[in-house]
Amino acid sequence: MLTTTPLAEQLRPNNLNDFLGQQHLVGKSAILRKAIESGNIPSMILWGPPGVGKTTLGYIISQQLKQEFYTLSAVSSGVKEVRDVIRKARYGIGPAILFIDEIHRFSKAQQDSLLGAVEKGIITLIGATTENPSFEVISPLLSRCQVYILKPFDKNDLLTLLDKAKIYIEKQEQLKITIKENEALLRISGGDARKLLNALELIVQSEEGAKEIIITNDKALNVIQQNLAIYDKAGEMHYDIISAFIKSIRGSDPNAAVYWLARMIKAGEDPKFIARRMLILASEDIGNANPNALLLAEACFNAVTQIGYPECRIILSQTVIYLATSLKSNSAYKAIEEATAEVSKSGDLSVPLHIRNAPTTLMKEIGYGRDYKYAHNYEQNFINQEFLPDDISEKKFYHPGSNRREEEIRKRLRYLWKDKYEY
């Protein structure tokens, strides 16, 4: 049967040519590839979802540059371990790379301990994170690093990996594997290469001794459900639980939402991570149906930042229940999505002359700001005038949701704009 080394580790590439995906970074003539090939890389933060190759890319960089490679996990390491690595690097031969997985879990003090060594070039830091580094990495360290964004694998990437893994296992185990259906495997992976390989490995192990294995959607789902704890041995369930948590709040189920909150608290999840997700949800899923939701979510984030466990669990619970029981609307999210799509489609349309800024006499003379009507000079602080470019004059991006507050907004917009936007 397969060795005790996980399949994902056995198939880990050791050069850029075998590295899957991320062509915007490591493809021919891409920015990071050119830096690696020049032998002069900056300290960097690799930001992307789980299982897209952050650790692998760090290892490949060290191999290509033939530099000493140290790895730490922010989950199990602290200032002492960081200083130990810096001391080894200082007295070692040549430059060294320090790879820190989940660097967003390092405290300010732990991140501070890296500054001097990064500044002096004792180490080249490669930090990996699934969280926005603007929030989680201290400014002095972030300013000394280049941030590279890794994208999720697309379907073709995952199918390429699946085929490679199938061929490898067939050769290693002297058996035939037929992947009759792959939809369940792809869905189980969630775009995570490690999850995909874990799933395939479990299916093969479940039929030990067989000479031929036929993989169907039902078989994949059954095996994973029976072996969920093993499948999730690297902690990927973290992402499934936060997904369940957000969907429960969005679905207005406070009971399920508090349950998933308790699961995260019990697992030691960073309370700021939970609070930040609720901040996003307060606008994306509640928005103007209840503007106070964003205020409470912000207060929650500030409170848990100052307090921490165990007391902050009560603040988190209060906020979760409030958001889950609030009226819901995704109109703000849909509005900016539609507007962004229009910008991509129609390009940089001209700003109408009457609402342009006119800081100079010449600009005023050629019509900048002319005919602009100051709304506060009119009854109800409103005057019907054009604010959009001519080409999209009557384009509507904001569609009020079906809730009490936004119905009032709809009525007011209809009263003000009459038939223009068809509210």
Protein backbone atom coordinates (compact mmCIF):
# COMPACT_ATOMS: atom_id res chain seq x y z
CA MET A 1 0.00 0.00 0.00
CA LEU A 2 1.03 3.67 -0.17
CA THR A 3 3.84 4.64 2.22
CA THR A 4 3.22 6.49 5.50
CA THR A 5 4.33 9.67 3.73
CA PRO A 6 1.17 11.47 2.58
CA LEU A 7 0.51 11.39 -1.15
CA ALA A 8 0.58 15.20 -1.25
CA GLU A 9 4.12 15.10 0.10
CA GLN A 10 5.22 12.38 -2.32
CA LEU A 11 3.99 14.43 -5.27
CA ARG A 12 5.37 17.75 -4.08
CA PRO A 13 7.32 19.26 -7.02
CA ASN A 14 10.90 20.43 -6.50
CA ASN A 15 11.27 22.80 -9.45
CA LEU A 16 9.29 25.61 -11.06
CA ASN A 17 8.63 23.69 -14.26
CA ASP A 18 6.63 21.07 -12.35
CA PHE A 19 4.85 23.63 -10.17
CA LEU A 20 1.10 23.63 -10.79
CA GLY A 21 -0.77 26.88 -11.47
CA GLN A 22 0.18 30.44 -10.44
CA GLN A 23 1.41 31.27 -13.93
CA HIS A 24 0.98 34.97 -13.18
CA LEU A 25 3.83 34.56 -10.66
CA VAL A 26 6.04 31.72 -11.92
CA GLY A 27 5.16 31.34 -15.59
CA LYS A 28 7.62 32.29 -18.30
CA SER A 29 8.81 35.88 -17.78
CA ALA A 30 6.53 36.28 -14.72
CA ILE A 31 7.72 38.62 -11.98
CA LEU A 32 8.53 36.08 -9.26
CA ARG A 33 10.12 33.61 -11.66
CA LYS A 34 12.46 36.32 -12.96
CA ALA A 35 13.44 37.22 -9.39
CA ILE A 36 14.14 33.56 -8.55
CA GLU A 37 16.15 33.00 -11.73
CA SER A 38 18.21 36.12 -11.00
CA GLY A 39 19.13 34.62 -7.63
CA ASN A 40 18.03 37.77 -5.83
CA ILE A 41 14.62 37.44 -4.18
CA PRO A 42 13.05 39.86 -1.73
CA SER A 43 11.51 38.88 1.59
CA MET A 44 7.92 38.09 0.75
CA ILE A 45 4.45 37.21 1.96
CA LEU A 46 2.63 34.52 -0.04
CA TRP A 47 -1.09 35.17 0.38
CA GLY A 48 -3.69 32.71 -0.86
CA PRO A 49 -6.23 30.05 0.09
CA PRO A 50 -5.14 26.70 1.52
CA GLY A 51 -3.64 24.05 -0.72
CA VAL A 52 -2.51 26.27 -3.59
CA GLY A 53 1.24 25.73 -3.19
CA LYS A 54 2.54 28.36 -0.75
CA THR A 55 4.76 25.93 1.17
CA THR A 56 5.84 24.16 -2.02
CA LEU A 57 6.80 27.45 -3.64
CA GLY A 58 8.91 28.39 -0.62
CA TYR A 59 10.72 25.05 -0.78
CA ILE A 60 11.32 25.33 -4.54
CA ILE A 61 12.78 28.81 -4.07
CA SER A 62 15.26 27.48 -1.51
CA GLN A 63 16.22 24.57 -3.80
CA GLN A 64 16.68 26.81 -6.83
CA LEU A 65 18.77 29.32 -4.91
CA LYS A 66 20.63 26.54 -3.02
CA GLN A 67 20.19 28.39 0.26
CA GLU A 68 19.79 27.05 3.77
CA PHE A 69 16.07 26.57 4.38
CA TYR A 70 14.46 26.87 7.81
CA THR A 71 10.75 26.32 8.44
CA LEU A 72 8.59 27.34 11.36
CA SER A 73 4.86 27.10 11.95
CA ALA A 74 3.29 30.09 13.69
CA VAL A 75 0.91 27.67 15.40
CA SER A 76 3.66 25.90 17.34
CA SER A 77 6.58 28.37 17.33
CA GLY A 78 7.33 31.56 19.21
CA VAL A 79 10.02 34.19 19.70
CA LYS A 80 12.49 31.62 21.07
CA GLU A 81 12.29 29.47 17.92
CA VAL A 82 12.59 32.55 15.70
CA ARG A 83 15.74 33.69 17.54
CA ASP A 84 17.22 30.19 17.33
CA VAL A 85 16.83 30.23 13.53
CA ILE A 86 18.25 33.76 13.25
CA ARG A 87 21.28 32.72 15.32
CA LYS A 88 21.89 29.68 13.09
CA ALA A 89 21.52 31.82 9.97
CA ARG A 90 23.87 34.52 11.30
CA TYR A 91 26.66 32.02 11.88
CA GLY A 92 25.89 29.79 8.90
CA ILE A 93 27.49 29.76 5.48
CA GLY A 94 25.82 32.17 3.11
CA PRO A 95 22.27 33.54 3.08
CA ALA A 96 19.33 31.62 4.51
CA ILE A 97 15.59 31.48 3.93
CA LEU A 98 13.12 31.32 6.81
CA PHE A 99 9.69 30.02 5.82
CA ILE A 100 6.92 30.73 8.35
CA ASP A 101 3.61 28.99 7.75
CA GLU A 102 0.47 30.80 8.94
CA ILE A 103 2.42 33.93 9.76
CA HIS A 104 -0.88 35.70 10.48
CA ARG A 105 -1.00 33.75 13.75
CA PHE A 106 2.19 35.39 15.01
CA SER A 107 1.65 38.09 17.63
CA LYS A 108 3.06 41.61 17.23
CA ALA A 109 5.98 40.72 19.53
CA GLN A 110 6.75 37.59 17.52
CA GLN A 111 6.68 39.53 14.26
CA ASP A 112 8.84 42.26 15.82
CA SER A 113 11.52 39.64 16.52
CA LEU A 114 11.95 39.15 12.76
CA LEU A 115 12.52 42.80 11.85
CA GLY A 116 16.23 43.16 12.55
CA ALA A 117 17.24 39.97 10.74
CA VAL A 118 15.11 40.81 7.71
CA GLU A 119 16.43 44.39 7.63
CA LYS A 120 20.08 43.26 7.80
CA GLY A 121 19.61 40.46 5.27
CA ILE A 122 20.53 37.73 7.75
CA ILE A 123 17.44 35.89 6.58
CA THR A 124 15.13 36.18 3.62
CA LEU A 125 11.64 35.79 5.04
CA ILE A 126 8.94 33.89 3.20
CA GLY A 127 5.68 34.08 5.14
CA ALA A 128 2.60 32.12 4.10
CA THR A 129 -0.89 33.27 5.04
CA THR A 130 -4.50 32.65 4.16
CA GLU A 131 -5.46 36.00 5.70
CA ASN A 132 -5.13 39.51 4.29
CA PRO A 133 -1.58 40.56 5.30
CA SER A 134 -2.68 44.20 5.51
CA PHE A 135 -4.62 43.22 8.63
CA GLU A 136 -2.42 40.49 10.07
CA VAL A 137 1.20 41.52 9.41
CA ILE A 138 2.63 44.52 11.27
CA SER A 139 3.39 47.54 9.08
CA PRO A 140 7.19 47.61 9.64
CA LEU A 141 7.50 43.97 8.57
CA LEU A 142 5.02 44.32 5.71
CA SER A 143 6.95 47.29 4.35
CA ARG A 144 10.06 45.11 4.10
CA CYS A 145 8.25 42.36 2.17
CA GLN A 146 6.79 41.97 -1.28
CA VAL A 147 3.26 40.53 -1.20
CA TYR A 148 2.48 37.89 -3.84
CA ILE A 149 -1.12 36.71 -4.23
CA LEU A 150 -1.66 33.05 -5.10
CA LYS A 151 -4.90 32.19 -6.87
CA PRO A 152 -7.15 29.15 -6.26
CA PHE A 153 -6.64 26.25 -8.63
CA ASP A 154 -9.10 26.09 -11.51
CA LYS A 155 -10.76 22.89 -12.71
CA ASN A 156 -8.08 22.18 -15.32
CA ASP A 157 -5.31 22.49 -12.73
CA LEU A 158 -7.08 20.03 -10.42
CA LEU A 159 -7.76 17.55 -13.21
CA THR A 160 -4.09 17.72 -14.24
CA LEU A 161 -3.06 16.97 -10.66
CA LEU A 162 -5.62 14.16 -10.37
CA ASP A 163 -4.30 12.50 -13.51
CA LYS A 164 -0.72 12.84 -12.32
CA ALA A 165 -1.61 11.30 -8.95
CA LYS A 166 -3.54 8.45 -10.61
CA ILE A 167 -0.57 7.53 -12.81
CA TYR A 168 1.82 7.74 -9.84
CA ILE A 169 -0.30 5.45 -7.63
CA GLU A 170 -0.85 2.94 -10.46
CA LYS A 171 2.90 2.68 -10.95
CA GLN A 172 3.70 2.49 -7.23
CA GLU A 173 0.97 -0.01 -6.31
CA GLN A 174 0.74 -2.04 -9.54
CA LEU A 175 -2.99 -1.54 -9.89
CA LYS A 176 -5.42 0.06 -12.31
CA ILE A 177 -7.48 3.10 -11.33
CA THR A 178 -10.46 4.20 -13.41
CA ILE A 179 -11.90 7.59 -12.51
CA LYS A 180 -15.37 7.12 -13.92
CA GLU A 181 -16.72 10.31 -12.28
CA ASN A 182 -14.69 13.19 -10.85
CA GLU A 183 -17.33 15.76 -9.81
CA ALA A 184 -17.41 14.65 -6.16
CA LEU A 185 -13.62 14.63 -5.90
CA LEU A 186 -13.44 18.17 -7.28
CA ARG A 187 -16.23 19.34 -4.99
CA ILE A 188 -14.61 17.72 -1.96
CA SER A 189 -11.32 19.44 -2.76
CA GLY A 190 -12.86 22.91 -2.81
CA GLY A 191 -9.96 24.00 -5.03
CA ASP A 192 -7.41 22.73 -2.50
CA ALA A 193 -4.79 20.43 -4.06
CA ARG A 194 -3.91 18.81 -0.74
CA LYS A 195 -7.57 17.96 -0.07
CA LEU A 196 -7.89 16.43 -3.52
CA LEU A 197 -4.87 14.20 -2.99
CA ASN A 198 -6.00 13.25 0.54
CA ALA A 199 -9.36 12.18 -0.87
CA LEU A 200 -7.82 10.08 -3.64
CA GLU A 201 -5.41 8.48 -1.18
CA LEU A 202 -8.23 7.52 1.20
CA ILE A 203 -10.24 5.93 -1.61
CA VAL A 204 -7.27 3.82 -2.67
CA GLN A 205 -6.55 2.82 0.94
CA SER A 206 -10.20 1.83 1.44
CA GLU A 207 -9.79 -0.88 -1.23
CA GLU A 208 -6.48 -2.30 -0.13
CA GLY A 209 -5.60 -5.48 -2.02
CA ALA A 210 -7.77 -4.68 -5.04
CA LYS A 211 -6.20 -4.92 -8.49
CA GLU A 212 -8.59 -2.41 -10.00
CA ILE A 213 -10.37 0.57 -8.41
CA ILE A 214 -13.27 2.33 -10.10
CA ILE A 215 -13.96 5.76 -8.62
CA THR A 216 -17.49 7.14 -8.80
CA ASN A 217 -19.10 10.13 -7.12
CA ASP A 218 -20.94 7.92 -4.63
CA LYS A 219 -17.79 6.02 -3.69
CA ALA A 220 -15.83 9.24 -3.15
CA LEU A 221 -18.52 10.73 -0.91
CA ASN A 222 -18.99 7.54 1.12
CA VAL A 223 -15.29 7.07 1.78
CA ILE A 224 -14.74 10.68 2.83
CA GLN A 225 -17.76 10.72 5.13
CA GLN A 226 -16.54 7.55 6.86
CA ASN A 227 -13.00 8.91 7.26
CA LEU A 228 -13.62 12.61 7.86
CA ALA A 229 -11.21 12.93 10.79
CA ILE A 230 -8.36 11.34 8.82
CA TYR A 231 -9.18 13.32 5.70
CA ASP A 232 -9.06 16.52 7.72
CA LYS A 233 -5.79 15.67 9.49
CA ALA A 234 -4.13 18.88 8.27
CA GLY A 235 -6.89 21.03 9.77
CA GLU A 236 -8.71 21.98 6.59
CA MET A 237 -12.03 21.62 8.46
CA HIS A 238 -11.24 25.08 9.82
CA TYR A 239 -12.42 26.47 6.48
CA ASP A 240 -15.49 24.26 6.34
CA ILE A 241 -16.60 25.39 9.80
CA ILE A 242 -16.18 29.11 9.10
CA SER A 243 -18.19 28.51 5.92
CA ALA A 244 -20.95 26.79 7.90
CA PHE A 245 -20.86 29.63 10.44
CA ILE A 246 -21.28 32.37 7.83
CA LYS A 247 -24.00 30.47 5.95
CA SER A 248 -25.92 29.94 9.20
CA ILE A 249 -25.90 33.68 9.97
CA ARG A 250 -26.86 34.49 6.37
CA GLY A 251 -29.68 31.94 6.66
CA SER A 252 -31.02 33.62 9.85
CA ASP A 253 -30.45 30.57 12.06
CA PRO A 254 -29.02 31.83 15.39
CA ASN A 255 -28.95 28.32 16.86
CA ALA A 256 -26.72 26.86 14.15
CA ALA A 257 -24.61 30.02 14.09
CA VAL A 258 -23.91 29.85 17.84
CA TYR A 259 -23.13 26.13 17.54
CA TRP A 260 -20.49 26.73 14.86
CA LEU A 261 -19.15 29.64 16.91
CA ALA A 262 -18.75 27.28 19.87
CA ARG A 263 -16.91 24.78 17.65
CA MET A 264 -14.44 27.49 16.62
CA ILE A 265 -13.97 28.73 20.18
CA LYS A 266 -13.36 25.17 21.41
CA ALA A 267 -10.74 24.69 18.68
CA GLY A 268 -8.92 27.87 19.74
CA GLU A 269 -9.78 29.88 16.63
CA ASP A 270 -8.43 33.44 16.63
CA PRO A 271 -11.39 35.62 17.79
CA LYS A 272 -10.26 38.43 15.48
CA PHE A 273 -10.64 36.04 12.54
CA ILE A 274 -14.24 35.31 13.56
CA ALA A 275 -15.03 38.99 14.19
CA ARG A 276 -13.52 40.06 10.87
CA ARG A 277 -15.73 37.59 9.01
CA MET A 278 -18.77 39.06 10.75
CA LEU A 279 -17.69 42.56 9.73
CA ILE A 280 -17.74 41.49 6.10
CA LEU A 281 -21.08 39.72 6.49
CA ALA A 282 -22.68 42.77 8.13
CA SER A 283 -22.32 44.66 4.84
CA GLU A 284 -22.52 41.82 2.35
CA ASP A 285 -25.59 40.05 3.73
CA ILE A 286 -27.38 42.67 5.88
CA GLY A 287 -26.31 46.04 4.53
CA ASN A 288 -28.96 48.74 4.51
CA ALA A 289 -31.67 46.41 5.72
CA ASN A 290 -30.13 47.15 9.12
CA PRO A 291 -27.15 49.56 9.09
CA ASN A 292 -26.66 49.06 12.83
CA ALA A 293 -25.38 45.56 12.06
CA LEU A 294 -22.11 46.96 10.72
CA LEU A 295 -21.72 49.20 13.77
CA LEU A 296 -22.20 46.28 16.16
CA ALA A 297 -19.84 44.07 14.14
CA GLU A 298 -17.20 46.81 14.25
CA ALA A 299 -17.67 47.22 18.01
CA CYS A 300 -17.33 43.45 18.37
CA PHE A 301 -14.06 43.42 16.41
CA ASN A 302 -12.63 46.24 18.53
CA ALA A 303 -13.75 44.57 21.76
CA VAL A 304 -12.27 41.12 21.03
CA THR A 305 -9.03 42.79 19.93
CA GLN A 306 -8.72 44.31 23.40
CA ILE A 307 -10.18 41.53 25.54
CA GLY A 308 -9.48 38.08 24.11
CA TYR A 309 -10.60 34.72 25.47
CA PRO A 310 -12.41 33.61 27.54
CA GLU A 311 -14.53 36.75 28.08
CA CYS A 312 -14.74 37.74 24.41
CA ARG A 313 -16.79 34.61 23.67
CA ILE A 314 -19.81 36.43 25.16
CA ILE A 315 -19.30 39.44 22.90
CA LEU A 316 -18.96 37.14 19.90
CA SER A 317 -22.13 35.30 20.88
CA GLN A 318 -24.11 38.53 21.26
CA THR A 319 -23.00 39.76 17.85
CA VAL A 320 -23.66 36.40 16.16
CA ILE A 321 -27.21 36.29 17.49
CA TYR A 322 -27.87 39.91 16.46
CA LEU A 323 -26.59 39.36 12.92
CA ALA A 324 -28.40 36.04 12.51
CA THR A 325 -31.76 37.51 13.61
CA SER A 326 -31.39 40.73 11.61
CA LEU A 327 -33.22 41.51 8.38
CA LYS A 328 -31.09 40.54 5.39
CA SER A 329 -30.14 42.28 2.15
CA ASN A 330 -27.26 41.80 -0.29
CA SER A 331 -28.15 44.90 -2.32
CA ALA A 332 -24.92 46.75 -1.42
CA TYR A 333 -22.84 43.77 -2.53
CA LYS A 334 -24.80 43.39 -5.77
CA ALA A 335 -24.58 47.14 -6.48
CA ILE A 336 -20.79 47.29 -6.38
CA GLU A 337 -20.54 44.02 -8.36
CA GLU A 338 -22.78 45.42 -11.10
CA ALA A 339 -20.98 48.77 -11.12
CA THR A 340 -17.58 47.07 -11.33
CA ALA A 341 -18.79 44.93 -14.22
CA GLU A 342 -20.02 48.07 -16.00
CA VAL A 343 -16.64 49.78 -15.52
CA SER A 344 -14.90 46.74 -17.03
CA LYS A 345 -17.34 46.74 -19.93
CA SER A 346 -17.54 50.45 -20.77
CA GLY A 347 -14.10 51.62 -19.66
CA ASP A 348 -13.19 55.09 -18.40
CA LEU A 349 -16.19 57.14 -19.50
CA SER A 350 -15.87 60.92 -19.27
CA VAL A 351 -17.09 62.71 -16.16
CA PRO A 352 -19.94 65.09 -17.16
CA LEU A 353 -18.63 68.66 -17.34
CA HIS A 354 -21.10 70.07 -14.82
CA ILE A 355 -19.89 67.81 -12.00
CA ARG A 356 -16.15 68.08 -12.70
CA ASN A 357 -13.86 69.81 -10.24
CA ALA A 358 -12.85 73.32 -11.38
CA PRO A 359 -9.86 74.44 -9.28
CA THR A 360 -8.45 76.84 -11.93
CA THR A 361 -9.87 79.79 -13.88
CA LEU A 362 -9.17 78.07 -17.19
CA MET A 363 -11.18 75.02 -16.15
CA LYS A 364 -14.10 77.23 -15.20
CA GLU A 365 -13.87 79.07 -18.54
CA ILE A 366 -14.08 75.84 -20.56
CA GLY A 367 -17.13 74.67 -18.69
CA TYR A 368 -15.91 72.59 -15.73
CA GLY A 369 -18.59 72.82 -13.04
CA ARG A 370 -20.89 75.03 -15.12
CA ASP A 371 -24.59 74.29 -14.69
CA TYR A 372 -23.95 72.26 -11.55
CA LYS A 373 -26.88 72.64 -9.16
CA TYR A 374 -26.08 72.56 -5.43
CA ALA A 375 -28.65 70.16 -3.98
CA HIS A 376 -28.95 71.96 -0.64
CA ASN A 377 -30.23 75.07 -2.38
CA TYR A 378 -33.39 73.23 -3.39
CA GLU A 379 -36.46 71.91 -1.64
CA GLN A 380 -35.85 68.61 0.17
CA ASN A 381 -32.14 69.04 -0.67
CA PHE A 382 -32.67 67.54 -4.10
CA ILE A 383 -32.63 68.68 -7.72
CA ASN A 384 -32.95 66.36 -10.70
CA GLN A 385 -29.67 66.49 -12.62
CA GLU A 386 -27.37 64.01 -14.34
CA PHE A 387 -24.52 62.41 -12.40
CA LEU A 388 -23.65 59.47 -14.65
CA PRO A 389 -21.73 59.58 -17.95
CA ASP A 390 -24.02 60.07 -20.96
CA ASP A 391 -23.42 56.55 -22.28
CA ILE A 392 -24.92 54.93 -19.17
CA SER A 393 -27.27 57.75 -18.18
CA GLU A 394 -30.13 55.60 -16.86
CA LYS A 395 -28.17 52.57 -15.72
CA LYS A 396 -29.35 51.24 -12.34
CA PHE A 397 -26.89 49.43 -10.04
CA TYR A 398 -28.65 49.64 -6.68
CA HIS A 399 -31.71 47.42 -6.38
CA PRO A 400 -33.25 47.82 -2.89
CA GLY A 401 -33.86 44.55 -1.08
CA SER A 402 -37.24 43.22 -0.01
CA ASN A 403 -37.16 44.43 3.58
CA ARG A 404 -38.88 47.18 5.54
CA ARG A 405 -36.06 49.69 5.55
CA GLU A 406 -35.11 49.30 1.91
CA GLU A 407 -38.74 49.46 0.82
CA GLU A 408 -38.74 52.95 2.33
CA ILE A 409 -35.55 53.74 0.41
CA ARG A 410 -37.19 52.46 -2.79
CA LYS A 411 -40.22 54.73 -2.29
CA ARG A 412 -38.02 57.78 -1.72
CA LEU A 413 -35.89 57.08 -4.80
CA ARG A 414 -39.03 56.59 -6.89
CA TYR A 415 -40.41 59.90 -5.59
CA LEU A 416 -37.15 61.78 -6.30
CA TRP A 417 -36.16 60.28 -9.65
CA LYS A 418 -39.63 59.55 -11.02
CA ASP A 419 -39.27 57.20 -14.04
CA LYS A 420 -35.55 57.67 -14.61
CA TYR A 421 -34.33 54.57 -12.75
CA GLU A 422 -37.68 52.76 -12.66
CA TYR A 423 -37.76 52.30 -8.92
